[in-house]
C-alpha atoms as a PDB file:
ATOM      1  CA  MET A   1      -6.688 -36.312 -30.697  1.00  0.00           C
ATOM      2  CA  SER A   2      -8.104 -35.325 -34.091  1.00  0.00           C
ATOM      3  CA  GLY A   3     -11.726 -36.257 -34.614  1.00  0.00           C
ATOM      4  CA  VAL A   4     -12.576 -36.044 -30.926  1.00  0.00           C
ATOM      5  CA  SER A   5     -14.979 -33.266 -29.981  1.00  0.00           C
ATOM      6  CA  ALA A   6     -14.202 -30.946 -27.091  1.00  0.00           C
ATOM      7  CA  GLY A   7     -17.343 -32.106 -25.283  1.00  0.00           C
ATOM      8  CA  ALA A   8     -16.437 -35.770 -25.627  1.00  0.00           C
ATOM      9  CA  LEU A   9     -12.918 -35.050 -24.464  1.00  0.00           C
ATOM     10  CA  LEU A  10     -14.173 -33.218 -21.413  1.00  0.00           C
ATOM     11  CA  GLN A  11     -16.352 -36.199 -20.571  1.00  0.00           C
ATOM     12  CA  LEU A  12     -13.283 -38.401 -20.724  1.00  0.00           C
ATOM     13  CA  CYS A  13     -11.232 -36.013 -18.591  1.00  0.00           C
ATOM     14  CA  ILE A  14     -13.799 -35.527 -15.855  1.00  0.00           C
ATOM     15  CA  SER A  15     -14.675 -39.216 -15.868  1.00  0.00           C
ATOM     16  CA  THR A  16     -10.998 -39.980 -15.320  1.00  0.00           C
ATOM     17  CA  ILE A  17     -10.820 -37.581 -12.382  1.00  0.00           C
ATOM     18  CA  LEU A  18     -13.905 -39.099 -10.818  1.00  0.00           C
ATOM     19  CA  GLY A  19     -12.729 -42.601 -11.604  1.00  0.00           C
ATOM     20  CA  PHE A  20      -9.433 -42.003  -9.850  1.00  0.00           C
ATOM     21  CA  PHE A  21     -11.109 -40.615  -6.774  1.00  0.00           C
ATOM     22  CA  SER A  22     -13.961 -43.133  -6.792  1.00  0.00           C
ATOM     23  CA  GLY A  23     -12.170 -45.386  -4.345  1.00  0.00           C
ATOM     24  CA  VAL A  24     -11.069 -42.420  -2.286  1.00  0.00           C
ATOM     25  CA  PHE A  25     -14.065 -40.101  -2.349  1.00  0.00           C
ATOM     26  CA  SER A  26     -16.958 -42.498  -3.002  1.00  0.00           C
ATOM     27  CA  LYS A  27     -17.963 -42.293   0.635  1.00  0.00           C
ATOM     28  CA  VAL A  28     -17.705 -38.519   0.716  1.00  0.00           C
ATOM     29  CA  PHE A  29     -19.329 -37.346  -2.528  1.00  0.00           C
ATOM     30  CA  SER A  30     -22.443 -38.426  -4.385  1.00  0.00           C
ATOM     31  CA  TRP A  31     -22.081 -37.971  -8.147  1.00  0.00           C
ATOM     32  CA  SER A  32     -24.929 -38.023 -10.661  1.00  0.00           C
ATOM     33  CA  LYS A  33     -24.623 -39.986 -13.922  1.00  0.00           C
ATOM     34  CA  GLY A  34     -23.210 -38.278 -17.011  1.00  0.00           C
ATOM     35  CA  ALA A  35     -19.792 -36.703 -16.740  1.00  0.00           C
ATOM     36  CA  CYS A  36     -20.460 -33.408 -18.518  1.00  0.00           C
ATOM     37  CA  GLY A  37     -23.650 -32.701 -16.623  1.00  0.00           C
ATOM     38  CA  ALA A  38     -22.408 -34.146 -13.379  1.00  0.00           C
ATOM     39  CA  THR A  39     -23.520 -32.479 -10.182  1.00  0.00           C
ATOM     40  CA  ASN A  40     -22.236 -33.215  -6.744  1.00  0.00           C
ATOM     41  CA  SER A  41     -23.206 -32.573  -3.182  1.00  0.00           C
ATOM     42  CA  LEU A  42     -21.072 -32.750  -0.102  1.00  0.00           C
ATOM     43  CA  VAL A  43     -22.070 -35.254   2.537  1.00  0.00           C
ATOM     44  CA  PRO A  44     -23.275 -33.420   5.680  1.00  0.00           C
ATOM     45  CA  SER A  45     -20.539 -32.861   8.225  1.00  0.00           C
ATOM     46  CA  SER A  46     -22.316 -35.104  10.705  1.00  0.00           C
ATOM     47  CA  GLN A  47     -22.000 -38.041   8.300  1.00  0.00           C
ATOM     48  CA  TRP A  48     -18.383 -37.139   7.575  1.00  0.00           C
ATOM     49  CA  GLU A  49     -17.612 -37.357  11.275  1.00  0.00           C
ATOM     50  CA  GLN A  50     -19.005 -40.913  11.260  1.00  0.00           C
ATOM     51  CA  ARG A  51     -16.630 -41.871   8.429  1.00  0.00           C
ATOM     52  CA  LYS A  52     -13.276 -40.933   9.885  1.00  0.00           C
ATOM     53  CA  ASP A  53     -12.265 -44.581   9.891  1.00  0.00           C
ATOM     54  CA  LEU A  54     -12.507 -44.807   6.084  1.00  0.00           C
ATOM     55  CA  ASP A  55      -9.489 -44.620   3.779  1.00  0.00           C
ATOM     56  CA  VAL A  56     -10.391 -41.137   2.565  1.00  0.00           C
ATOM     57  CA  THR A  57      -8.179 -38.194   1.676  1.00  0.00           C
ATOM     58  CA  THR A  58      -8.575 -34.917  -0.188  1.00  0.00           C
ATOM     59  CA  PRO A  59      -6.582 -33.461  -3.098  1.00  0.00           C
ATOM     60  CA  THR A  60      -5.075 -30.731  -0.922  1.00  0.00           C
ATOM     61  CA  SER A  61      -2.280 -29.832  -3.345  1.00  0.00           C
ATOM     62  CA  VAL A  62      -2.514 -30.555  -7.072  1.00  0.00           C
ATOM     63  CA  ASN A  63       0.163 -30.146  -9.753  1.00  0.00           C
ATOM     64  CA  TYR A  64      -1.455 -29.446 -13.121  1.00  0.00           C
ATOM     65  CA  HIS A  65       0.900 -30.074 -16.051  1.00  0.00           C
ATOM     66  CA  PHE A  66      -1.482 -28.555 -18.582  1.00  0.00           C
ATOM     67  CA  THR A  67       1.003 -28.554 -21.455  1.00  0.00           C
ATOM     68  CA  ARG A  68       3.872 -30.780 -22.524  1.00  0.00           C
ATOM     69  CA  LYS A  69       5.463 -28.350 -24.974  1.00  0.00           C
ATOM     70  CA  CYS A  70       8.699 -26.693 -23.905  1.00  0.00           C
ATOM     71  CA  ASN A  71      11.398 -24.554 -25.471  1.00  0.00           C
ATOM     72  CA  TYR A  72      14.105 -26.188 -23.342  1.00  0.00           C
ATOM     73  CA  LYS A  73      15.447 -29.740 -23.657  1.00  0.00           C
ATOM     74  CA  CYS A  74      16.395 -30.743 -20.135  1.00  0.00           C
ATOM     75  CA  GLY A  75      17.742 -34.278 -20.360  1.00  0.00           C
ATOM     76  CA  PHE A  76      16.013 -35.500 -17.207  1.00  0.00           C
ATOM     77  CA  CYS A  77      12.546 -34.021 -17.927  1.00  0.00           C
ATOM     78  CA  PHE A  78       9.767 -36.317 -16.683  1.00  0.00           C
ATOM     79  CA  HIS A  79       6.819 -34.708 -18.523  1.00  0.00           C
ATOM     80  CA  THR A  80       8.010 -34.678 -22.106  1.00  0.00           C
ATOM     81  CA  ALA A  81       6.398 -33.321 -25.284  1.00  0.00           C
ATOM     82  CA  LYS A  82       4.569 -36.441 -26.430  1.00  0.00           C
ATOM     83  CA  THR A  83       1.655 -34.278 -27.547  1.00  0.00           C
ATOM     84  CA  SER A  84       0.927 -30.589 -28.128  1.00  0.00           C
ATOM     85  CA  PHE A  85      -2.605 -30.859 -26.736  1.00  0.00           C
ATOM     86  CA  VAL A  86      -3.915 -28.238 -24.289  1.00  0.00           C
ATOM     87  CA  LEU A  87      -7.432 -28.524 -22.891  1.00  0.00           C
ATOM     88  CA  PRO A  88      -9.720 -25.588 -23.839  1.00  0.00           C
ATOM     89  CA  LEU A  89      -9.770 -22.960 -21.093  1.00  0.00           C
ATOM     90  CA  GLU A  90     -13.391 -23.321 -20.017  1.00  0.00           C
ATOM     91  CA  GLU A  91     -13.071 -27.084 -19.802  1.00  0.00           C
ATOM     92  CA  ALA A  92      -9.871 -26.796 -17.787  1.00  0.00           C
ATOM     93  CA  LYS A  93     -11.701 -24.437 -15.438  1.00  0.00           C
ATOM     94  CA  ARG A  94     -14.478 -26.984 -14.992  1.00  0.00           C
ATOM     95  CA  GLY A  95     -11.975 -29.623 -13.921  1.00  0.00           C
ATOM     96  CA  LEU A  96     -10.318 -27.181 -11.522  1.00  0.00           C
ATOM     97  CA  ARG A  97     -13.674 -26.332 -10.005  1.00  0.00           C
ATOM     98  CA  LEU A  98     -14.366 -30.040  -9.420  1.00  0.00           C
ATOM     99  CA  LEU A  99     -11.072 -30.364  -7.605  1.00  0.00           C
ATOM    100  CA  ARG A 100     -11.766 -27.277  -5.519  1.00  0.00           C
ATOM    101  CA  GLU A 101     -15.114 -28.741  -4.515  1.00  0.00           C
ATOM    102  CA  ALA A 102     -13.285 -31.937  -3.572  1.00  0.00           C
ATOM    103  CA  GLY A 103     -11.033 -30.016  -1.166  1.00  0.00           C
ATOM    104  CA  MET A 104      -8.124 -28.648  -3.197  1.00  0.00           C
ATOM    105  CA  GLU A 105      -6.333 -25.796  -1.403  1.00  0.00           C
ATOM    106  CA  LYS A 106      -3.271 -25.320  -3.598  1.00  0.00           C
ATOM    107  CA  ILE A 107      -2.798 -25.511  -7.354  1.00  0.00           C
ATOM    108  CA  ASN A 108       0.593 -25.532  -9.005  1.00  0.00           C
ATOM    109  CA  PHE A 109       0.714 -24.939 -12.765  1.00  0.00           C
ATOM    110  CA  SER A 110       3.573 -26.546 -14.639  1.00  0.00           C
ATOM    111  CA  GLY A 111       4.469 -28.121 -17.966  1.00  0.00           C
ATOM    112  CA  GLY A 112       6.343 -28.388 -20.238  1.00  0.00           C
ATOM    113  CA  GLU A 113       6.803 -24.667 -20.061  1.00  0.00           C
ATOM    114  CA  PRO A 114       3.524 -23.089 -18.850  1.00  0.00           C
ATOM    115  CA  PHE A 115       4.277 -19.622 -20.274  1.00  0.00           C
ATOM    116  CA  LEU A 116       4.709 -20.994 -23.787  1.00  0.00           C
ATOM    117  CA  HIS A 117       1.022 -21.518 -24.635  1.00  0.00           C
ATOM    118  CA  GLU A 118      -0.598 -18.256 -25.829  1.00  0.00           C
ATOM    119  CA  ARG A 119       2.473 -16.412 -24.480  1.00  0.00           C
ATOM    120  CA  GLY A 120       1.338 -16.917 -20.904  1.00  0.00           C
ATOM    121  CA  ASP A 121      -2.148 -15.472 -21.262  1.00  0.00           C
ATOM    122  CA  PHE A 122      -3.836 -18.881 -21.009  1.00  0.00           C
ATOM    123  CA  LEU A 123      -1.873 -19.530 -17.833  1.00  0.00           C
ATOM    124  CA  GLY A 124      -2.682 -16.078 -16.491  1.00  0.00           C
ATOM    125  CA  ARG A 125      -6.406 -16.582 -16.954  1.00  0.00           C
ATOM    126  CA  MET A 126      -6.272 -19.871 -15.061  1.00  0.00           C
ATOM    127  CA  VAL A 127      -4.259 -18.236 -12.287  1.00  0.00           C
ATOM    128  CA  GLU A 128      -6.824 -15.453 -12.011  1.00  0.00           C
ATOM    129  CA  PHE A 129      -9.707 -17.939 -12.045  1.00  0.00           C
ATOM    130  CA  CYS A 130      -8.204 -20.053  -9.263  1.00  0.00           C
ATOM    131  CA  LYS A 131      -7.444 -17.112  -6.990  1.00  0.00           C
ATOM    132  CA  ALA A 132     -10.344 -14.732  -7.689  1.00  0.00           C
ATOM    133  CA  GLU A 133     -13.205 -17.154  -8.378  1.00  0.00           C
ATOM    134  CA  LEU A 134     -12.230 -20.398  -6.672  1.00  0.00           C
ATOM    135  CA  GLN A 135     -10.620 -18.476  -3.798  1.00  0.00           C
ATOM    136  CA  LEU A 136      -7.753 -20.926  -3.487  1.00  0.00           C
ATOM    137  CA  PRO A 137      -5.393 -20.133  -0.613  1.00  0.00           C
ATOM    138  CA  SER A 138      -2.380 -20.780  -2.834  1.00  0.00           C
ATOM    139  CA  VAL A 139      -1.740 -20.498  -6.577  1.00  0.00           C
ATOM    140  CA  SER A 140       1.774 -21.195  -7.832  1.00  0.00           C
ATOM    141  CA  ILE A 141       3.708 -21.752 -11.051  1.00  0.00           C
ATOM    142  CA  VAL A 142       6.871 -23.637 -11.975  1.00  0.00           C
ATOM    143  CA  SER A 143       8.621 -22.227 -15.043  1.00  0.00           C
ATOM    144  CA  ASN A 144      12.027 -22.129 -16.687  1.00  0.00           C
ATOM    145  CA  GLY A 145      11.565 -18.340 -16.784  1.00  0.00           C
ATOM    146  CA  SER A 146      12.550 -17.840 -20.418  1.00  0.00           C
ATOM    147  CA  MET A 147       9.116 -16.701 -21.654  1.00  0.00           C
ATOM    148  CA  ILE A 148       8.070 -14.461 -18.771  1.00  0.00           C
ATOM    149  CA  LYS A 149       7.503 -10.758 -19.492  1.00  0.00           C
ATOM    150  CA  GLU A 150       7.009  -7.915 -17.037  1.00  0.00           C
ATOM    151  CA  THR A 151       3.607  -7.227 -18.595  1.00  0.00           C
ATOM    152  CA  TRP A 152       2.450 -10.625 -17.300  1.00  0.00           C
ATOM    153  CA  PHE A 153       3.182  -9.548 -13.728  1.00  0.00           C
ATOM    154  CA  GLN A 154       1.360  -6.287 -14.324  1.00  0.00           C
ATOM    155  CA  LYS A 155      -1.765  -8.142 -15.452  1.00  0.00           C
ATOM    156  CA  TYR A 156      -1.784 -11.260 -13.293  1.00  0.00           C
ATOM    157  CA  GLY A 157       0.732 -10.770 -10.481  1.00  0.00           C
ATOM    158  CA  ASP A 158      -1.905  -9.973  -7.865  1.00  0.00           C
ATOM    159  CA  PHE A 159      -3.423 -13.441  -8.310  1.00  0.00           C
ATOM    160  CA  LEU A 160      -0.170 -15.406  -7.976  1.00  0.00           C
ATOM    161  CA  ASP A 161       1.256 -16.495  -4.636  1.00  0.00           C
ATOM    162  CA  ILE A 162       4.490 -18.238  -5.656  1.00  0.00           C
ATOM    163  CA  LEU A 163       6.593 -18.310  -8.798  1.00  0.00           C
ATOM    164  CA  ALA A 164       9.222 -21.058  -8.887  1.00  0.00           C
ATOM    165  CA  ILE A 165      11.989 -20.801 -11.469  1.00  0.00           C
ATOM    166  CA  SER A 166      14.000 -23.896 -12.323  1.00  0.00           C
ATOM    167  CA  CYS A 167      17.749 -23.380 -12.134  1.00  0.00           C
ATOM    168  CA  ASP A 168      20.157 -26.286 -11.899  1.00  0.00           C
ATOM    169  CA  SER A 169      23.439 -24.423 -12.170  1.00  0.00           C
ATOM    170  CA  PHE A 170      25.008 -20.988 -12.015  1.00  0.00           C
ATOM    171  CA  ASP A 171      27.447 -21.975 -14.738  1.00  0.00           C
ATOM    172  CA  GLU A 172      26.091 -21.307 -18.230  1.00  0.00           C
ATOM    173  CA  GLU A 173      28.072 -24.178 -19.766  1.00  0.00           C
ATOM    174  CA  THR A 174      26.550 -26.593 -17.277  1.00  0.00           C
ATOM    175  CA  ASN A 175      23.064 -25.377 -18.122  1.00  0.00           C
ATOM    176  CA  GLN A 176      23.864 -25.931 -21.792  1.00  0.00           C
ATOM    177  CA  MET A 177      24.954 -29.513 -21.122  1.00  0.00           C
ATOM    178  CA  ILE A 178      21.805 -30.194 -19.097  1.00  0.00           C
ATOM    179  CA  GLY A 179      19.601 -28.680 -21.806  1.00  0.00           C
ATOM    180  CA  ARG A 180      18.253 -25.843 -19.657  1.00  0.00           C
ATOM    181  CA  SER A 181      18.923 -23.163 -22.232  1.00  0.00           C
ATOM    182  CA  GLN A 182      17.716 -21.645 -25.500  1.00  0.00           C
ATOM    183  CA  GLY A 183      20.166 -20.224 -27.981  1.00  0.00           C
ATOM    184  CA  LYS A 184      22.551 -17.659 -26.547  1.00  0.00           C
ATOM    185  CA  LYS A 185      20.159 -16.337 -23.905  1.00  0.00           C
ATOM    186  CA  SER A 186      21.554 -16.306 -20.378  1.00  0.00           C
ATOM    187  CA  HIS A 187      19.396 -18.410 -18.089  1.00  0.00           C
ATOM    188  CA  ILE A 188      21.148 -16.942 -15.065  1.00  0.00           C
ATOM    189  CA  GLU A 189      20.684 -13.286 -16.041  1.00  0.00           C
ATOM    190  CA  ASN A 190      17.024 -13.976 -16.681  1.00  0.00           C
ATOM    191  CA  LEU A 191      16.697 -15.605 -13.263  1.00  0.00           C
ATOM    192  CA  PHE A 192      17.923 -12.465 -11.508  1.00  0.00           C
ATOM    193  CA  LYS A 193      15.619 -10.285 -13.620  1.00  0.00           C
ATOM    194  CA  ILE A 194      12.572 -12.352 -12.666  1.00  0.00           C
ATOM    195  CA  ARG A 195      13.637 -12.185  -9.022  1.00  0.00           C
ATOM    196  CA  ARG A 196      13.461  -8.394  -9.215  1.00  0.00           C
ATOM    197  CA  TRP A 197      10.009  -8.540 -10.824  1.00  0.00           C
ATOM    198  CA  CYS A 198       8.733 -10.853  -8.100  1.00  0.00           C
ATOM    199  CA  GLN A 199       9.921  -8.355  -5.512  1.00  0.00           C
ATOM    200  CA  GLN A 200       8.341  -5.444  -7.393  1.00  0.00           C
ATOM    201  CA  TYR A 201       4.978  -7.135  -7.987  1.00  0.00           C
ATOM    202  CA  LYS A 202       4.794  -8.914  -4.629  1.00  0.00           C
ATOM    203  CA  VAL A 203       5.023 -12.522  -5.749  1.00  0.00           C
ATOM    204  CA  ALA A 204       6.896 -14.988  -3.529  1.00  0.00           C
ATOM    205  CA  PHE A 205      10.006 -16.194  -5.341  1.00  0.00           C
ATOM    206  CA  LYS A 206      11.142 -19.822  -5.254  1.00  0.00           C
ATOM    207  CA  ILE A 207      13.923 -21.790  -6.958  1.00  0.00           C
ATOM    208  CA  ASN A 208      13.802 -25.447  -8.014  1.00  0.00           C
ATOM    209  CA  SER A 209      17.005 -27.362  -8.741  1.00  0.00           C
ATOM    210  CA  VAL A 210      17.519 -30.934  -9.916  1.00  0.00           C
ATOM    211  CA  VAL A 211      20.769 -32.452  -8.709  1.00  0.00           C
ATOM    212  CA  ASN A 212      22.304 -34.627 -11.411  1.00  0.00           C
ATOM    213  CA  THR A 213      25.662 -35.792 -12.744  1.00  0.00           C
ATOM    214  CA  PHE A 214      26.427 -32.390 -14.310  1.00  0.00           C
ATOM    215  CA  ASN A 215      25.917 -30.187 -11.230  1.00  0.00           C
ATOM    216  CA  VAL A 216      26.423 -32.597  -8.336  1.00  0.00           C
ATOM    217  CA  ASP A 217      29.796 -31.082  -7.389  1.00  0.00           C
ATOM    218  CA  GLU A 218      28.711 -27.445  -7.678  1.00  0.00           C
ATOM    219  CA  ASP A 219      28.441 -25.060  -4.728  1.00  0.00           C
ATOM    220  CA  MET A 220      25.444 -22.780  -5.299  1.00  0.00           C
ATOM    221  CA  SER A 221      25.354 -21.274  -1.814  1.00  0.00           C
ATOM    222  CA  GLU A 222      26.498 -17.754  -2.668  1.00  0.00           C
ATOM    223  CA  GLN A 223      24.044 -17.240  -5.535  1.00  0.00           C
ATOM    224  CA  ILE A 224      21.098 -18.794  -3.688  1.00  0.00           C
ATOM    225  CA  ASN A 225      21.706 -16.568  -0.675  1.00  0.00           C
ATOM    226  CA  GLN A 226      21.954 -13.557  -2.963  1.00  0.00           C
ATOM    227  CA  LEU A 227      18.630 -14.390  -4.656  1.00  0.00           C
ATOM    228  CA  ASN A 228      17.068 -15.142  -1.259  1.00  0.00           C
ATOM    229  CA  PRO A 229      14.090 -17.278  -2.359  1.00  0.00           C
ATOM    230  CA  VAL A 230      11.364 -18.215   0.111  1.00  0.00           C
ATOM    231  CA  ARG A 231      12.219 -21.848  -0.677  1.00  0.00           C
ATOM    232  CA  TRP A 232      14.996 -23.573  -2.566  1.00  0.00           C
ATOM    233  CA  LYS A 233      13.591 -26.962  -3.535  1.00  0.00           C
ATOM    234  CA  VAL A 234      16.426 -29.376  -4.297  1.00  0.00           C
ATOM    235  CA  PHE A 235      15.399 -32.575  -6.075  1.00  0.00           C
ATOM    236  CA  GLN A 236      17.354 -35.750  -6.693  1.00  0.00           C
ATOM    237  CA  CYS A 237      17.156 -36.718 -10.373  1.00  0.00           C
ATOM    238  CA  LEU A 238      14.301 -39.229 -10.693  1.00  0.00           C
ATOM    239  CA  LEU A 239      13.594 -41.790 -13.422  1.00  0.00           C
ATOM    240  CA  ILE A 240       9.996 -42.326 -14.563  1.00  0.00           C
ATOM    241  CA  ASP A 241       9.374 -45.119 -17.028  1.00  0.00           C
ATOM    242  CA  GLY A 242       7.829 -43.955 -20.290  1.00  0.00           C
ATOM    243  CA  GLU A 243       8.800 -40.316 -19.707  1.00  0.00           C
ATOM    244  CA  ASN A 244      12.551 -40.069 -19.158  1.00  0.00           C
ATOM    245  CA  ALA A 245      13.438 -43.760 -19.098  1.00  0.00           C
ATOM    246  CA  GLY A 246      12.449 -46.888 -20.987  1.00  0.00           C
ATOM    247  CA  GLU A 247      11.687 -47.733 -24.607  1.00  0.00           C
ATOM    248  CA  ALA A 248       8.711 -45.362 -24.949  1.00  0.00           C
ATOM    249  CA  ALA A 249      10.520 -42.380 -23.418  1.00  0.00           C
ATOM    250  CA  LEU A 250      11.525 -39.227 -25.277  1.00  0.00           C
ATOM    251  CA  ARG A 251      14.410 -38.664 -22.879  1.00  0.00           C
ATOM    252  CA  GLU A 252      17.242 -40.905 -21.688  1.00  0.00           C
ATOM    253  CA  ALA A 253      17.814 -39.622 -18.193  1.00  0.00           C
ATOM    254  CA  GLU A 254      19.864 -42.556 -16.965  1.00  0.00           C
ATOM    255  CA  ARG A 255      23.072 -40.602 -17.575  1.00  0.00           C
ATOM    256  CA  PHE A 256      21.833 -37.854 -15.226  1.00  0.00           C
ATOM    257  CA  VAL A 257      21.131 -40.142 -12.267  1.00  0.00           C
ATOM    258  CA  ILE A 258      23.192 -39.790  -9.098  1.00  0.00           C
ATOM    259  CA  THR A 259      23.486 -42.010  -6.049  1.00  0.00           C
ATOM    260  CA  ASP A 260      21.823 -41.331  -2.719  1.00  0.00           C
ATOM    261  CA  GLN A 261      25.240 -40.596  -1.227  1.00  0.00           C
ATOM    262  CA  GLN A 262      26.058 -38.067  -3.959  1.00  0.00           C
ATOM    263  CA  PHE A 263      22.755 -36.338  -3.270  1.00  0.00           C
ATOM    264  CA  GLN A 264      23.483 -36.256   0.450  1.00  0.00           C
ATOM    265  CA  ASP A 265      26.955 -34.813  -0.207  1.00  0.00           C
ATOM    266  CA  PHE A 266      25.334 -32.010  -2.213  1.00  0.00           C
ATOM    267  CA  LEU A 267      22.934 -31.312   0.662  1.00  0.00           C
ATOM    268  CA  ASP A 268      25.780 -31.328   3.196  1.00  0.00           C
ATOM    269  CA  ARG A 269      27.690 -28.804   1.094  1.00  0.00           C
ATOM    270  CA  HIS A 270      24.666 -26.469   1.216  1.00  0.00           C
ATOM    271  CA  GLN A 271      23.537 -27.087   4.791  1.00  0.00           C
ATOM    272  CA  ALA A 272      24.090 -23.434   5.712  1.00  0.00           C
ATOM    273  CA  VAL A 273      21.475 -22.285   3.174  1.00  0.00           C
ATOM    274  CA  SER A 274      18.450 -21.797   5.409  1.00  0.00           C
ATOM    275  CA  CYS A 275      15.805 -21.929   2.666  1.00  0.00           C
ATOM    276  CA  LEU A 276      16.939 -25.327   1.324  1.00  0.00           C
ATOM    277  CA  VAL A 277      14.180 -27.952   1.115  1.00  0.00           C
ATOM    278  CA  PRO A 278      15.593 -31.326  -0.008  1.00  0.00           C
ATOM    279  CA  GLU A 279      13.585 -33.960  -1.834  1.00  0.00           C
ATOM    280  CA  SER A 280      15.179 -37.321  -2.399  1.00  0.00           C
ATOM    281  CA  ASN A 281      13.679 -39.912  -4.717  1.00  0.00           C
ATOM    282  CA  GLU A 282      12.132 -41.584  -1.695  1.00  0.00           C
ATOM    283  CA  LYS A 283      10.332 -38.398  -0.688  1.00  0.00           C
ATOM    284  CA  MET A 284       9.128 -37.609  -4.210  1.00  0.00           C
ATOM    285  CA  ARG A 285       7.600 -40.991  -4.949  1.00  0.00           C
ATOM    286  CA  ASN A 286       3.916 -41.293  -4.013  1.00  0.00           C
ATOM    287  CA  SER A 287       3.741 -37.771  -2.561  1.00  0.00           C
ATOM    288  CA  TYR A 288       2.697 -35.616  -5.553  1.00  0.00           C
ATOM    289  CA  LEU A 289      -0.780 -35.515  -7.039  1.00  0.00           C
ATOM    290  CA  ILE A 290      -0.222 -34.804 -10.739  1.00  0.00           C
ATOM    291  CA  LEU A 291      -2.728 -33.981 -13.466  1.00  0.00           C
ATOM    292  CA  ASP A 292      -1.638 -34.256 -17.076  1.00  0.00           C
ATOM    293  CA  GLU A 293      -2.742 -32.132 -20.048  1.00  0.00           C
ATOM    294  CA  TYR A 294      -6.044 -34.040 -20.299  1.00  0.00           C
ATOM    295  CA  THR A 295      -6.702 -33.523 -16.559  1.00  0.00           C
ATOM    296  CA  ARG A 296      -6.005 -37.210 -16.085  1.00  0.00           C
ATOM    297  CA  PHE A 297      -3.740 -38.762 -13.510  1.00  0.00           C
ATOM    298  CA  PRO A 298      -0.792 -40.252 -15.435  1.00  0.00           C
ATOM    299  CA  SER A 299      -0.361 -44.016 -15.502  1.00  0.00           C
ATOM    300  CA  TYR A 300       2.562 -43.861 -13.094  1.00  0.00           C
ATOM    301  CA  ILE A 301       0.110 -42.346 -10.588  1.00  0.00           C
ATOM    302  CA  ARG A 302      -3.044 -44.325 -11.450  1.00  0.00           C
ATOM    303  CA  ASP A 303      -1.369 -47.717 -11.547  1.00  0.00           C
ATOM    304  CA  ARG A 304       0.100 -47.518  -8.075  1.00  0.00           C
ATOM    305  CA  PRO A 305      -2.537 -48.286  -5.423  1.00  0.00           C
ATOM    306  CA  SER A 306      -0.104 -46.979  -2.810  1.00  0.00           C
ATOM    307  CA  THR A 307      -0.525 -43.448  -4.137  1.00  0.00           C
ATOM    308  CA  ARG A 308      -4.194 -43.412  -3.162  1.00  0.00           C
ATOM    309  CA  GLY A 309      -5.918 -42.731   0.127  1.00  0.00           C
ATOM    310  CA  ARG A 310      -4.121 -42.017   3.331  1.00  0.00           C
ATOM    311  CA  HIS A 311      -0.749 -43.325   2.125  1.00  0.00           C
ATOM    312  CA  HIS A 312      -0.512 -40.507  -0.426  1.00  0.00           C
ATOM    313  CA  GLU A 313      -1.527 -37.985   2.202  1.00  0.00           C
ATOM    314  CA  LYS A 314       1.027 -39.380   4.659  1.00  0.00           C
ATOM    315  CA  MET A 315       3.844 -39.133   2.112  1.00  0.00           C
ATOM    316  CA  PHE A 316       2.710 -35.629   1.107  1.00  0.00           C
ATOM    317  CA  LEU A 317       2.920 -34.455   4.711  1.00  0.00           C
ATOM    318  CA  LYS A 318       6.175 -36.344   5.335  1.00  0.00           C
ATOM    319  CA  ARG A 319       8.007 -34.474   2.577  1.00  0.00           C
ATOM    320  CA  GLY A 320       6.780 -31.136   3.990  1.00  0.00           C
ATOM    321  CA  GLY A 321       4.195 -30.603   1.260  1.00  0.00           C
ATOM    322  CA  LYS A 322       2.043 -28.513   3.582  1.00  0.00           C
ATOM    323  CA  TYR A 323       3.682 -25.200   4.455  1.00  0.00           C
ATOM    324  CA  VAL A 324       2.883 -21.484   4.514  1.00  0.00           C
ATOM    325  CA  TRP A 325       1.975 -21.235   0.836  1.00  0.00           C
ATOM    326  CA  SER A 326      -0.197 -18.129   0.650  1.00  0.00           C
ATOM    327  CA  LYS A 327       1.749 -14.903   0.154  1.00  0.00           C
ATOM    328  CA  ALA A 328      -0.759 -13.147   2.413  1.00  0.00           C
ATOM    329  CA  ASP A 329       0.511 -15.296   5.307  1.00  0.00           C
ATOM    330  CA  MET A 330       4.243 -15.141   4.519  1.00  0.00           C
ATOM    331  CA  LYS A 331       4.796 -11.654   5.958  1.00  0.00           C
ATOM    332  CA  LEU A 332       7.446 -10.918   3.365  1.00  0.00           C
ATOM    333  CA  ASP A 333       9.339  -7.669   3.243  1.00  0.00           C
ATOM    334  CA  TRP A 334       8.445  -6.442  -0.233  1.00  0.00           C
END
């Protein structure tokens, strides 16, 4: 992206956001010309009531992958380090504000590894902005946990609702084979340490696991119950062309893919874990609204008309995307 000014880049980013939503929100918002100086005004509620028959939805929950850089090398990663670009903070905030004005209620920051850039301070400032200024009901993060320090919780913990740590196995050798590791550091020990910090600083703790060929036969029940997350999101390994599959991909995730029956067997083995939330490939497809590092919707989102309008919203609700996601409403025993 050398030679491109920050202002020109922001124009591109915001134009892409508006372009994506043009077919969805064109009947709801009126945008002035000129991306950088764009202003918008909500249509009066009376007019909105007259438009209920239109194919209109809102970006209720957005996943912002603001960086692609990561210190882990998970073989199935679907947002790989094709670039080191990170949008300047103030320009990222402008895009987030646009989404809030369009109806966003939940923002999830991810990567890459979101704590890697500026040692988590960039992330922390966005978290604070979304909670304190935009007043979002829910602000969450997905991280591998390796870069998180207690000082981050001390500074930004009040503004964070949910912290999800990715953990695919409670066997260190398995994590090494998957690529979810760095040097000799124990991913599992770090997971338990972060769990204690979440309890101490009143942040809801969540675990994400990707079921693949290396962990498909594992029983994680005992450790998950011990960690007691508010949610244990269990994903089936998913292939995305150009990211973890295909000629242009930086990963070759085909060797991690499991069958639907293998995934179901894993779920059956863990059926007694009350916090388990399964997500098969069928549930994941067309149900996540993802922003990349340029605040654009990736091609695998933009190029599928089925991900727009009410179909996306239907799939989002079908997979249980809407839940109690504000820590103020969770009534947790800190």
